[in-house]
Protein backbone atom coordinates (compact mmCIF):
# COMPACT_ATOMS: atom_id res chain seq x y z
CA MET A 1 0.03 -0.03 0.01
CA GLU A 2 1.12 3.53 -0.76
CA LEU A 3 1.55 5.59 2.41
CA SER A 4 0.97 9.31 2.85
CA LEU A 5 4.61 10.08 3.67
CA GLU A 6 7.96 8.89 2.36
CA TYR A 7 9.91 7.06 5.11
CA LYS A 8 12.84 4.93 6.07
CA ILE A 9 12.38 1.92 8.34
CA ARG A 10 14.47 -0.33 10.61
CA GLU A 11 12.41 -3.37 11.42
CA PRO A 12 12.51 -4.68 15.00
CA LYS A 13 15.33 -7.11 15.73
CA ILE A 14 13.43 -8.61 18.63
CA ARG A 15 9.98 -9.72 17.42
CA TYR A 16 6.76 -9.81 19.46
CA GLU A 17 3.25 -10.41 18.24
CA LYS A 18 3.00 -6.58 18.13
CA ASN A 19 6.04 -4.35 18.43
CA PRO A 20 6.30 -0.75 19.65
CA LEU A 21 6.87 2.12 17.22
CA LEU A 22 9.35 4.92 17.33
CA LEU A 23 8.40 7.55 14.74
CA LEU A 24 11.17 10.13 14.01
CA LEU A 25 10.20 13.62 12.79
CA HIS A 26 13.11 15.67 11.42
CA GLY A 27 13.70 19.46 11.60
CA TYR A 28 13.10 22.24 9.09
CA GLY A 29 15.25 21.91 5.99
CA SER A 30 16.33 18.33 6.73
CA ASN A 31 14.98 14.98 5.57
CA GLU A 32 14.19 11.42 6.74
CA THR A 33 17.85 10.24 6.65
CA ASP A 34 18.94 12.73 9.34
CA LEU A 35 17.46 11.19 12.53
CA PHE A 36 17.51 7.77 10.91
CA SER A 37 21.27 7.81 11.33
CA PHE A 38 20.49 7.00 15.09
CA ALA A 39 18.37 3.98 14.17
CA SER A 40 20.97 1.32 14.80
CA GLU A 41 21.55 2.70 18.33
CA LEU A 42 17.88 2.56 19.32
CA PRO A 43 16.29 -0.29 21.32
CA GLU A 44 15.93 -3.44 19.25
CA GLU A 45 12.28 -4.19 19.96
CA TYR A 46 11.03 -1.06 18.16
CA TYR A 47 9.96 -0.41 14.64
CA VAL A 48 12.09 2.71 13.95
CA ILE A 49 10.44 4.75 11.17
CA SER A 50 11.75 8.11 10.01
CA ALA A 51 9.22 10.21 8.05
CA ARG A 52 9.93 12.84 5.42
CA ALA A 53 8.03 16.12 5.85
CA PRO A 54 5.61 16.93 2.99
CA TYR A 55 6.86 20.42 1.90
CA ASP A 56 9.77 20.32 -0.47
CA LEU A 57 12.39 23.05 -0.03
CA GLN A 58 14.51 21.57 -2.92
CA PHE A 59 17.94 19.90 -2.77
CA GLY A 60 16.80 17.13 -0.42
CA SER A 61 15.41 19.58 2.13
CA TYR A 62 11.83 19.38 3.53
CA ALA A 63 9.65 21.13 6.06
CA TRP A 64 6.57 20.30 8.09
CA TYR A 65 5.45 23.90 7.56
CA ALA A 66 6.83 27.15 6.17
CA ILE A 67 8.77 29.63 8.31
CA ASN A 68 8.57 33.15 6.87
CA PHE A 69 10.26 36.41 7.70
CA ASP A 70 8.76 39.91 7.68
CA ALA A 71 10.58 43.12 6.76
CA ASP A 72 12.05 43.37 10.27
CA GLN A 73 13.33 39.82 10.04
CA ASN A 74 10.82 38.51 12.59
CA LYS A 75 10.13 34.78 12.06
CA PHE A 76 6.60 33.49 11.91
CA SER A 77 5.26 30.00 11.23
CA ASP A 78 2.51 29.00 8.78
CA HIS A 79 0.09 27.57 11.33
CA ASN A 80 -2.33 26.30 8.62
CA GLN A 81 0.42 24.15 7.14
CA ALA A 82 1.49 22.99 10.61
CA ILE A 83 -2.07 21.83 11.36
CA LEU A 84 -2.24 20.02 8.04
CA SER A 85 1.06 18.24 8.83
CA ARG A 86 -0.10 17.48 12.35
CA ASP A 87 -3.14 15.58 10.95
CA LEU A 88 -1.08 14.04 8.12
CA VAL A 89 1.25 12.46 10.65
CA VAL A 90 -1.75 11.06 12.58
CA LYS A 91 -3.10 9.62 9.30
CA PHE A 92 0.42 8.19 8.58
CA ILE A 93 0.46 6.47 12.02
CA GLU A 94 -2.86 4.82 11.22
CA GLU A 95 -1.47 3.62 7.90
CA LEU A 96 1.64 2.19 9.59
CA LYS A 97 -0.57 0.31 12.06
CA SER A 98 -2.43 -1.26 9.12
CA LYS A 99 0.81 -2.16 7.29
CA PHE A 100 2.99 -3.40 10.17
CA SER A 101 2.40 -5.37 13.41
CA ILE A 102 2.55 -2.28 15.62
CA ASP A 103 1.40 -2.14 19.19
CA SER A 104 -0.98 0.76 19.12
CA SER A 105 -0.63 1.22 22.86
CA ASN A 106 3.13 1.87 22.58
CA ILE A 107 3.77 4.65 20.05
CA THR A 108 6.53 7.19 20.66
CA LEU A 109 7.33 10.30 18.66
CA ILE A 110 10.90 11.64 18.66
CA GLY A 111 11.10 15.01 17.06
CA PHE A 112 13.97 17.43 16.51
CA SER A 113 13.40 21.20 16.28
CA GLN A 114 10.38 21.69 13.94
CA GLY A 115 9.67 17.96 14.27
CA SER A 116 9.64 18.41 18.04
CA ILE A 117 7.16 21.29 17.85
CA LEU A 118 4.91 19.17 15.66
CA SER A 119 5.25 16.20 18.08
CA TYR A 120 3.94 18.28 20.98
CA SER A 121 0.95 19.35 18.94
CA ILE A 122 0.12 15.79 17.92
CA ALA A 123 0.47 14.45 21.50
CA LEU A 124 -1.62 17.24 23.07
CA SER A 125 -4.22 16.97 20.35
CA TYR A 126 -4.43 13.18 20.19
CA PRO A 127 -3.00 11.60 23.40
CA ASN A 128 -5.08 8.51 22.61
CA ILE A 129 -2.80 7.86 19.61
CA VAL A 130 0.63 8.79 20.96
CA ASN A 131 1.72 7.84 24.47
CA ARG A 132 5.32 9.26 24.60
CA VAL A 133 7.23 12.09 23.06
CA GLY A 134 10.95 12.76 22.99
CA ALA A 135 11.03 16.46 22.16
CA LEU A 136 14.57 17.64 21.24
CA SER A 137 15.41 21.30 20.72
CA GLY A 138 11.84 22.52 20.19
CA TYR A 139 9.13 24.42 22.01
CA LEU A 140 5.38 24.22 22.67
CA ASN A 141 3.27 26.07 20.16
CA LEU A 142 -0.34 25.86 21.45
CA ASP A 143 -1.65 27.61 18.32
CA ILE A 144 -1.33 24.35 16.40
CA THR A 145 -3.14 22.09 18.88
CA ILE A 146 -6.81 21.23 18.41
CA ASP A 147 -9.46 23.41 20.08
CA ASN A 148 -10.15 22.48 23.72
CA TYR A 149 -7.07 20.20 23.82
CA GLN A 150 -6.81 20.85 27.58
CA ASN A 151 -9.92 18.68 28.03
CA ASN A 152 -8.04 15.61 26.78
CA ASP A 153 -6.99 12.79 29.07
CA PHE A 154 -3.21 13.08 29.47
CA SER A 155 -2.86 10.41 32.20
CA GLY A 156 -1.11 7.97 29.80
CA LEU A 157 1.20 10.54 28.20
CA LYS A 158 4.95 10.93 29.03
CA ILE A 159 7.13 13.68 27.53
CA PHE A 160 10.95 14.02 27.64
CA THR A 161 12.13 17.52 26.68
CA THR A 162 15.72 18.51 26.02
CA HIS A 163 17.42 21.73 24.90
CA GLY A 164 20.82 23.27 24.48
CA THR A 165 21.50 26.25 26.77
CA VAL A 166 23.28 28.12 23.89
CA ASP A 167 20.75 27.21 21.20
CA GLN A 168 21.08 29.91 18.51
CA VAL A 169 17.92 28.79 16.58
CA ILE A 170 15.26 28.32 19.29
CA PRO A 171 16.02 30.28 22.44
CA ILE A 172 16.41 28.32 25.64
CA GLU A 173 13.71 30.63 27.23
CA TRP A 174 11.14 29.22 24.87
CA ALA A 175 11.96 25.66 25.90
CA ARG A 176 11.97 26.59 29.64
CA LYS A 177 8.31 27.78 29.37
CA THR A 178 7.23 24.35 28.07
CA ASP A 179 7.72 22.10 31.13
CA PRO A 180 5.52 24.18 33.52
CA ILE A 181 2.70 24.17 30.93
CA LEU A 182 2.97 20.36 30.49
CA LYS A 183 2.97 19.80 34.26
CA SER A 184 -0.05 22.13 34.66
CA LEU A 185 -1.90 19.80 32.31
CA GLY A 186 -1.02 16.85 34.53
CA ILE A 187 1.45 15.38 31.98
CA ASN A 188 4.33 13.25 33.17
CA SER A 189 7.10 15.59 32.01
CA ASN A 190 10.92 15.38 32.30
CA TYR A 191 13.08 18.34 31.23
CA LYS A 192 16.86 18.46 30.72
CA GLU A 193 19.35 21.06 29.46
CA TYR A 194 22.81 20.55 27.92
CA PRO A 195 25.66 23.08 27.34
CA ILE A 196 25.28 22.88 23.54
CA GLY A 197 23.75 24.72 20.59
CA HIS A 198 20.97 23.53 18.25
CA GLY A 199 21.69 19.82 18.19
CA VAL A 200 21.84 16.52 20.09
CA SER A 201 24.88 15.86 22.21
CA PRO A 202 26.10 12.36 23.00
CA GLN A 203 24.92 12.80 26.65
CA ASN A 204 21.50 13.92 25.41
CA PHE A 205 21.24 10.82 23.24
CA ILE A 206 22.22 8.52 26.13
CA ASP A 207 19.62 10.19 28.36
CA LEU A 208 16.99 9.80 25.57
CA LYS A 209 17.80 6.09 25.28
CA ASP A 210 17.61 5.64 29.08
CA TRP A 211 14.23 7.39 29.12
CA LEU A 212 12.97 5.14 26.29
CA GLN A 213 13.96 2.06 28.21
CA SER A 214 12.57 3.20 31.57
CA LYS A 215 9.18 1.77 32.48
């Protein structure tokens, strides 16, 4: 079957009747091979699937939504495109569950930068579909969640947020606002900072793997 998004896959090395899914969502201007470079290091019982964002920026670069600049060089996001991508990823998850033997009660999103922003919006909008999020170098944009998202049941949702203290793309202050909002919603949230820029340090990756393997 033809799926809604292009993707790369590492099948689970340890097989169960149904296996958990790790869905990787890359950042702005990247592609599905970026985070997939981590795949061999991730726990062996997972389907590791890295999706390509739908908006083509040319030369192998893709985005989940446009980021535009005004005359004063202020950045703003195309929220309509972000919402379309949010729901496209949800549709893609449903397609993956039809195609592979995926445990629908064990689906984790790992997003970097724009992929992290999108992951938050999916989890807060549809916590019945996603039960964990590893949000790397992003921030919470509540403008791209569904209406009345705060009425959702977040009791089964866990979020691990990480950020570099000298991130030159998404300011650390934006990330620091996220954890208190998540906790106010009753979400099991864990926040860590690292002395790096806009990226994933070796220690960050180790902590992410430890979080994935914690029960």
